[in-house]
Amino acid sequence: MTGPGYANVDLSVVKSVEMRGSRTLEIRGEAFNILNHTNFDLPNRFFGSANFGRIFGAGTSRQVQLGMKYLF
């Protein structure tokens, strides 16, 4: 038995801003599963079970996170 296909596209954008002296501010944005494609779990593999071949779960949906780092 084979499961459904899996697709995942992630994106990361980083911007470094030089400040006074050797100080730097780094701004970061990251998006996981940016296309918001549904990735289903594997189906139930136990033959004879009432739930044989059924899928009960899926992976996470799109997630976005923002971050900032100050280097000195």
PDB file of N, CA and C in Angstrom:
ATOM      1  N   MET A   1       0.849  -1.164   0.000  1.00  0.00           N
ATOM      2  CA  MET A   1       0.000   0.000   0.000  1.00  0.00           C
ATOM      3  C   MET A   1       0.903   1.238   0.000  1.00  0.00           C
ATOM      4  N   THR A   2       0.610   2.168  -0.847  1.00  0.00           N
ATOM      5  CA  THR A   2       1.383   3.413  -0.893  1.00  0.00           C
ATOM      6  C   THR A   2       0.564   4.549  -0.311  1.00  0.00           C
ATOM      7  N   GLY A   3       1.259   5.542   0.188  1.00  0.00           N
ATOM      8  CA  GLY A   3       0.595   6.692   0.784  1.00  0.00           C
ATOM      9  C   GLY A   3       0.483   7.834  -0.206  1.00  0.00           C
ATOM     10  N   PRO A   4      -0.153   8.908   0.211  1.00  0.00           N
ATOM     11  CA  PRO A   4      -0.284  10.084  -0.648  1.00  0.00           C
ATOM     12  C   PRO A   4       1.058  10.779  -0.833  1.00  0.00           C
ATOM     13  N   GLY A   5       1.161  11.593  -1.853  1.00  0.00           N
ATOM     14  CA  GLY A   5       2.400  12.317  -2.130  1.00  0.00           C
ATOM     15  C   GLY A   5       2.718  13.343  -1.053  1.00  0.00           C
ATOM     16  N   TYR A   6       3.953  13.822  -1.084  1.00  0.00           N
ATOM     17  CA  TYR A   6       4.408  14.795  -0.097  1.00  0.00           C
ATOM     18  C   TYR A   6       5.028  15.972  -0.822  1.00  0.00           C
ATOM     19  N   ALA A   7       4.595  17.176  -0.504  1.00  0.00           N
ATOM     20  CA  ALA A   7       5.148  18.393  -1.112  1.00  0.00           C
ATOM     21  C   ALA A   7       5.377  19.417  -0.008  1.00  0.00           C
ATOM     22  N   ASN A   8       6.534  20.079  -0.066  1.00  0.00           N
ATOM     23  CA  ASN A   8       6.855  21.062   0.951  1.00  0.00           C
ATOM     24  C   ASN A   8       7.787  22.110   0.352  1.00  0.00           C
ATOM     25  N   VAL A   9       7.445  23.381   0.514  1.00  0.00           N
ATOM     26  CA  VAL A   9       8.281  24.488   0.051  1.00  0.00           C
ATOM     27  C   VAL A   9       8.455  25.450   1.218  1.00  0.00           C
ATOM     28  N   ASP A  10       9.711  25.694   1.602  1.00  0.00           N
ATOM     29  CA  ASP A  10      10.023  26.614   2.688  1.00  0.00           C
ATOM     30  C   ASP A  10      10.713  27.846   2.132  1.00  0.00           C
ATOM     31  N   LEU A  11      10.602  28.974   2.848  1.00  0.00           N
ATOM     32  CA  LEU A  11      11.194  30.230   2.397  1.00  0.00           C
ATOM     33  C   LEU A  11      11.795  30.947   3.595  1.00  0.00           C
ATOM     34  N   SER A  12      12.976  31.524   3.401  1.00  0.00           N
ATOM     35  CA  SER A  12      13.633  32.292   4.452  1.00  0.00           C
ATOM     36  C   SER A  12      14.192  33.573   3.837  1.00  0.00           C
ATOM     37  N   VAL A  13      13.952  34.695   4.502  1.00  0.00           N
ATOM     38  CA  VAL A  13      14.450  35.996   4.051  1.00  0.00           C
ATOM     39  C   VAL A  13      15.198  36.630   5.228  1.00  0.00           C
ATOM     40  N   VAL A  14      16.440  37.071   4.972  1.00  0.00           N
ATOM     41  CA  VAL A  14      17.277  37.642   6.028  1.00  0.00           C
ATOM     42  C   VAL A  14      17.827  38.980   5.558  1.00  0.00           C
ATOM     43  N   LYS A  15      17.808  39.963   6.442  1.00  0.00           N
ATOM     44  CA  LYS A  15      18.363  41.286   6.156  1.00  0.00           C
ATOM     45  C   LYS A  15      19.265  41.677   7.319  1.00  0.00           C
ATOM     46  N   SER A  16      20.527  41.998   7.017  1.00  0.00           N
ATOM     47  CA  SER A  16      21.474  42.456   8.034  1.00  0.00           C
ATOM     48  C   SER A  16      21.675  43.950   7.883  1.00  0.00           C
ATOM     49  N   VAL A  17      21.570  44.667   8.989  1.00  0.00           N
ATOM     50  CA  VAL A  17      21.722  46.117   8.998  1.00  0.00           C
ATOM     51  C   VAL A  17      22.929  46.453   9.874  1.00  0.00           C
ATOM     52  N   GLU A  18      23.947  47.081   9.268  1.00  0.00           N
ATOM     53  CA  GLU A  18      25.126  47.494  10.019  1.00  0.00           C
ATOM     54  C   GLU A  18      24.786  48.723  10.848  1.00  0.00           C
ATOM     55  N   MET A  19      25.211  48.714  12.114  1.00  0.00           N
ATOM     56  CA  MET A  19      24.977  49.843  12.996  1.00  0.00           C
ATOM     57  C   MET A  19      26.331  50.433  13.391  1.00  0.00           C
ATOM     58  N   ARG A  20      26.360  51.267  14.378  1.00  0.00           N
ATOM     59  CA  ARG A  20      27.608  51.889  14.811  1.00  0.00           C
ATOM     60  C   ARG A  20      28.626  50.848  15.265  1.00  0.00           C
ATOM     61  N   GLY A  21      29.877  51.072  14.934  1.00  0.00           N
ATOM     62  CA  GLY A  21      30.938  50.168  15.353  1.00  0.00           C
ATOM     63  C   GLY A  21      30.789  48.804  14.707  1.00  0.00           C
ATOM     64  N   SER A  22      30.938  47.776  15.496  1.00  0.00           N
ATOM     65  CA  SER A  22      30.829  46.408  14.972  1.00  0.00           C
ATOM     66  C   SER A  22      29.474  45.788  15.312  1.00  0.00           C
ATOM     67  N   ARG A  23      28.479  46.601  15.535  1.00  0.00           N
ATOM     68  CA  ARG A  23      27.148  46.114  15.894  1.00  0.00           C
ATOM     69  C   ARG A  23      26.304  45.873  14.645  1.00  0.00           C
ATOM     70  N   THR A  24      25.538  44.805  14.693  1.00  0.00           N
ATOM     71  CA  THR A  24      24.709  44.430  13.550  1.00  0.00           C
ATOM     72  C   THR A  24      23.326  44.012  14.041  1.00  0.00           C
ATOM     73  N   LEU A  25      22.309  44.403  13.303  1.00  0.00           N
ATOM     74  CA  LEU A  25      20.939  43.981  13.578  1.00  0.00           C
ATOM     75  C   LEU A  25      20.515  43.072  12.429  1.00  0.00           C
ATOM     76  N   GLU A  26      20.116  41.860  12.756  1.00  0.00           N
ATOM     77  CA  GLU A  26      19.689  40.894  11.743  1.00  0.00           C
ATOM     78  C   GLU A  26      18.191  40.676  11.885  1.00  0.00           C
ATOM     79  N   ILE A  27      17.460  40.889  10.808  1.00  0.00           N
ATOM     80  CA  ILE A  27      16.008  40.703  10.781  1.00  0.00           C
ATOM     81  C   ILE A  27      15.727  39.508   9.878  1.00  0.00           C
ATOM     82  N   ARG A  28      14.917  38.576  10.371  1.00  0.00           N
ATOM     83  CA  ARG A  28      14.690  37.325   9.655  1.00  0.00           C
ATOM     84  C   ARG A  28      13.192  37.010   9.612  1.00  0.00           C
ATOM     85  N   GLY A  29      12.756  36.536   8.463  1.00  0.00           N
ATOM     86  CA  GLY A  29      11.397  36.042   8.303  1.00  0.00           C
ATOM     87  C   GLY A  29      11.442  34.671   7.658  1.00  0.00           C
ATOM     88  N   GLU A  30      10.722  33.709   8.226  1.00  0.00           N
ATOM     89  CA  GLU A  30      10.721  32.346   7.709  1.00  0.00           C
ATOM     90  C   GLU A  30       9.290  31.857   7.555  1.00  0.00           C
ATOM     91  N   ALA A  31       9.044  31.142   6.473  1.00  0.00           N
ATOM     92  CA  ALA A  31       7.726  30.549   6.235  1.00  0.00           C
ATOM     93  C   ALA A  31       7.925  29.082   5.872  1.00  0.00           C
ATOM     94  N   PHE A  32       7.200  28.210   6.563  1.00  0.00           N
ATOM     95  CA  PHE A  32       7.275  26.779   6.317  1.00  0.00           C
ATOM     96  C   PHE A  32       5.977  26.332   5.664  1.00  0.00           C
ATOM     97  N   ASN A  33       6.081  25.475   4.647  1.00  0.00           N
ATOM     98  CA  ASN A  33       4.940  25.027   3.845  1.00  0.00           C
ATOM     99  C   ASN A  33       4.228  26.250   3.255  1.00  0.00           C
ATOM    100  N   ILE A  34       4.990  27.085   2.584  1.00  0.00           N
ATOM    101  CA  ILE A  34       4.487  28.379   2.094  1.00  0.00           C
ATOM    102  C   ILE A  34       3.330  28.238   1.110  1.00  0.00           C
ATOM    103  N   LEU A  35       3.266  27.133   0.366  1.00  0.00           N
ATOM    104  CA  LEU A  35       2.159  26.929  -0.572  1.00  0.00           C
ATOM    105  C   LEU A  35       0.913  26.372   0.117  1.00  0.00           C
ATOM    106  N   ASN A  36       1.027  26.072   1.417  1.00  0.00           N
ATOM    107  CA  ASN A  36      -0.075  25.548   2.226  1.00  0.00           C
ATOM    108  C   ASN A  36      -0.675  24.285   1.613  1.00  0.00           C
ATOM    109  N   HIS A  37       0.193  23.396   1.120  1.00  0.00           N
ATOM    110  CA  HIS A  37      -0.235  22.131   0.530  1.00  0.00           C
ATOM    111  C   HIS A  37      -0.525  21.138   1.651  1.00  0.00           C
ATOM    112  N   THR A  38      -1.663  20.461   1.594  1.00  0.00           N
ATOM    113  CA  THR A  38      -2.027  19.487   2.613  1.00  0.00           C
ATOM    114  C   THR A  38      -1.226  18.212   2.405  1.00  0.00           C
ATOM    115  N   ASN A  39      -0.490  17.794   3.420  1.00  0.00           N
ATOM    116  CA  ASN A  39       0.288  16.560   3.384  1.00  0.00           C
ATOM    117  C   ASN A  39      -0.363  15.562   4.342  1.00  0.00           C
ATOM    118  N   PHE A  40      -1.075  14.592   3.760  1.00  0.00           N
ATOM    119  CA  PHE A  40      -1.793  13.612   4.559  1.00  0.00           C
ATOM    120  C   PHE A  40      -0.850  12.560   5.129  1.00  0.00           C
ATOM    121  N   ASP A  41      -1.196  12.017   6.302  1.00  0.00           N
ATOM    122  CA  ASP A  41      -0.448  10.925   6.905  1.00  0.00           C
ATOM    123  C   ASP A  41      -0.684   9.642   6.111  1.00  0.00           C
ATOM    124  N   LEU A  42       0.048   8.594   6.480  1.00  0.00           N
ATOM    125  CA  LEU A  42      -0.131   7.300   5.819  1.00  0.00           C
ATOM    126  C   LEU A  42      -1.465   6.685   6.229  1.00  0.00           C
ATOM    127  N   PRO A  43      -2.090   5.924   5.314  1.00  0.00           N
ATOM    128  CA  PRO A  43      -3.358   5.276   5.667  1.00  0.00           C
ATOM    129  C   PRO A  43      -3.142   4.114   6.640  1.00  0.00           C
ATOM    130  N   ASN A  44      -4.208   3.708   7.303  1.00  0.00           N
ATOM    131  CA  ASN A  44      -4.176   2.567   8.223  1.00  0.00           C
ATOM    132  C   ASN A  44      -3.831   1.311   7.421  1.00  0.00           C
ATOM    133  N   ARG A  45      -2.796   0.543   7.859  1.00  0.00           N
ATOM    134  CA  ARG A  45      -2.286  -0.596   7.095  1.00  0.00           C
ATOM    135  C   ARG A  45      -2.748  -1.954   7.621  1.00  0.00           C
ATOM    136  N   PHE A  46      -3.567  -1.998   8.649  1.00  0.00           N
ATOM    137  CA  PHE A  46      -3.949  -3.269   9.256  1.00  0.00           C
ATOM    138  C   PHE A  46      -5.163  -3.858   8.548  1.00  0.00           C
ATOM    139  N   PHE A  47      -4.897  -4.877   7.699  1.00  0.00           N
ATOM    140  CA  PHE A  47      -5.967  -5.518   6.934  1.00  0.00           C
ATOM    141  C   PHE A  47      -6.931  -6.207   7.892  1.00  0.00           C
ATOM    142  N   GLY A  48      -8.199  -6.079   7.636  1.00  0.00           N
ATOM    143  CA  GLY A  48      -9.225  -6.656   8.489  1.00  0.00           C
ATOM    144  C   GLY A  48      -9.756  -5.663   9.512  1.00  0.00           C
ATOM    145  N   SER A  49      -9.056  -4.547   9.680  1.00  0.00           N
ATOM    146  CA  SER A  49      -9.510  -3.505  10.595  1.00  0.00           C
ATOM    147  C   SER A  49     -10.643  -2.730   9.935  1.00  0.00           C
ATOM    148  N   ALA A  50     -11.551  -2.222  10.749  1.00  0.00           N
ATOM    149  CA  ALA A  50     -12.666  -1.431  10.209  1.00  0.00           C
ATOM    150  C   ALA A  50     -12.169  -0.141   9.567  1.00  0.00           C
ATOM    151  N   ASN A  51     -10.973   0.304   9.955  1.00  0.00           N
ATOM    152  CA  ASN A  51     -10.425   1.548   9.424  1.00  0.00           C
ATOM    153  C   ASN A  51      -9.341   1.311   8.374  1.00  0.00           C
ATOM    154  N   PHE A  52      -9.268   0.127   7.786  1.00  0.00           N
ATOM    155  CA  PHE A  52      -8.241  -0.200   6.804  1.00  0.00           C
ATOM    156  C   PHE A  52      -8.291   0.775   5.618  1.00  0.00           C
ATOM    157  N   GLY A  53      -7.150   1.376   5.312  1.00  0.00           N
ATOM    158  CA  GLY A  53      -7.052   2.272   4.162  1.00  0.00           C
ATOM    159  C   GLY A  53      -7.509   3.689   4.422  1.00  0.00           C
ATOM    160  N   ARG A  54      -7.983   3.987   5.621  1.00  0.00           N
ATOM    161  CA  ARG A  54      -8.457   5.339   5.926  1.00  0.00           C
ATOM    162  C   ARG A  54      -7.319   6.183   6.476  1.00  0.00           C
ATOM    163  N   ILE A  55      -7.387   7.478   6.187  1.00  0.00           N
ATOM    164  CA  ILE A  55      -6.390   8.431   6.661  1.00  0.00           C
ATOM    165  C   ILE A  55      -7.047   9.308   7.721  1.00  0.00           C
ATOM    166  N   PHE A  56      -6.381   9.437   8.873  1.00  0.00           N
ATOM    167  CA  PHE A  56      -6.963  10.173   9.986  1.00  0.00           C
ATOM    168  C   PHE A  56      -6.221  11.449  10.348  1.00  0.00           C
ATOM    169  N   GLY A  57      -5.112  11.743   9.697  1.00  0.00           N
ATOM    170  CA  GLY A  57      -4.345  12.923  10.089  1.00  0.00           C
ATOM    171  C   GLY A  57      -3.653  13.568   8.906  1.00  0.00           C
ATOM    172  N   ALA A  58      -3.148  14.741   9.176  1.00  0.00           N
ATOM    173  CA  ALA A  58      -2.409  15.482   8.161  1.00  0.00           C
ATOM    174  C   ALA A  58      -1.281  16.253   8.844  1.00  0.00           C
ATOM    175  N   GLY A  59      -0.308  16.670   8.058  1.00  0.00           N
ATOM    176  CA  GLY A  59       0.801  17.461   8.585  1.00  0.00           C
ATOM    177  C   GLY A  59       0.359  18.872   8.934  1.00  0.00           C
ATOM    178  N   THR A  60       1.283  19.655   9.415  1.00  0.00           N
ATOM    179  CA  THR A  60       0.955  21.023   9.820  1.00  0.00           C
ATOM    180  C   THR A  60       0.679  21.912   8.616  1.00  0.00           C
ATOM    181  N   SER A  61      -0.105  22.936   8.842  1.00  0.00           N
ATOM    182  CA  SER A  61      -0.401  23.903   7.783  1.00  0.00           C
ATOM    183  C   SER A  61       0.720  24.944   7.724  1.00  0.00           C
ATOM    184  N   ARG A  62       0.523  25.974   6.966  1.00  0.00           N
ATOM    185  CA  ARG A  62       1.540  27.020   6.816  1.00  0.00           C
ATOM    186  C   ARG A  62       1.880  27.628   8.177  1.00  0.00           C
ATOM    187  N   GLN A  63       3.170  27.822   8.405  1.00  0.00           N
ATOM    188  CA  GLN A  63       3.638  28.452   9.635  1.00  0.00           C
ATOM    189  C   GLN A  63       4.613  29.557   9.264  1.00  0.00           C
ATOM    190  N   VAL A  64       4.472  30.709   9.913  1.00  0.00           N
ATOM    191  CA  VAL A  64       5.338  31.859   9.649  1.00  0.00           C
ATOM    192  C   VAL A  64       5.938  32.311  10.970  1.00  0.00           C
ATOM    193  N   GLN A  65       7.231  32.625  10.951  1.00  0.00           N
ATOM    194  CA  GLN A  65       7.858  33.160  12.153  1.00  0.00           C
ATOM    195  C   GLN A  65       8.782  34.306  11.786  1.00  0.00           C
ATOM    196  N   LEU A  66       8.839  35.270  12.668  1.00  0.00           N
ATOM    197  CA  LEU A  66       9.686  36.443  12.496  1.00  0.00           C
ATOM    198  C   LEU A  66      10.677  36.489  13.646  1.00  0.00           C
ATOM    199  N   GLY A  67      11.877  36.967  13.357  1.00  0.00           N
ATOM    200  CA  GLY A  67      12.884  37.036  14.406  1.00  0.00           C
ATOM    201  C   GLY A  67      13.816  38.208  14.184  1.00  0.00           C
ATOM    202  N   MET A  68      14.476  38.617  15.276  1.00  0.00           N
ATOM    203  CA  MET A  68      15.422  39.704  15.217  1.00  0.00           C
ATOM    204  C   MET A  68      16.583  39.342  16.143  1.00  0.00           C
ATOM    205  N   LYS A  69      17.803  39.608  15.660  1.00  0.00           N
ATOM    206  CA  LYS A  69      18.997  39.296  16.454  1.00  0.00           C
ATOM    207  C   LYS A  69      19.913  40.518  16.453  1.00  0.00           C
ATOM    208  N   TYR A  70      20.394  40.884  17.637  1.00  0.00           N
ATOM    209  CA  TYR A  70      21.291  42.015  17.786  1.00  0.00           C
ATOM    210  C   TYR A  70      22.677  41.482  18.153  1.00  0.00           C
ATOM    211  N   LEU A  71      23.647  41.700  17.277  1.00  0.00           N
ATOM    212  CA  LEU A  71      25.013  41.221  17.497  1.00  0.00           C
ATOM    213  C   LEU A  71      25.882  42.387  17.923  1.00  0.00           C
ATOM    214  N   PHE A  72      26.617  42.219  19.004  1.00  0.00           N
ATOM    215  CA  PHE A  72      27.511  43.283  19.474  1.00  0.00           C
ATOM    216  C   PHE A  72      28.840  42.730  19.905  1.00  0.00           C
TER     217      PHE A  72
END
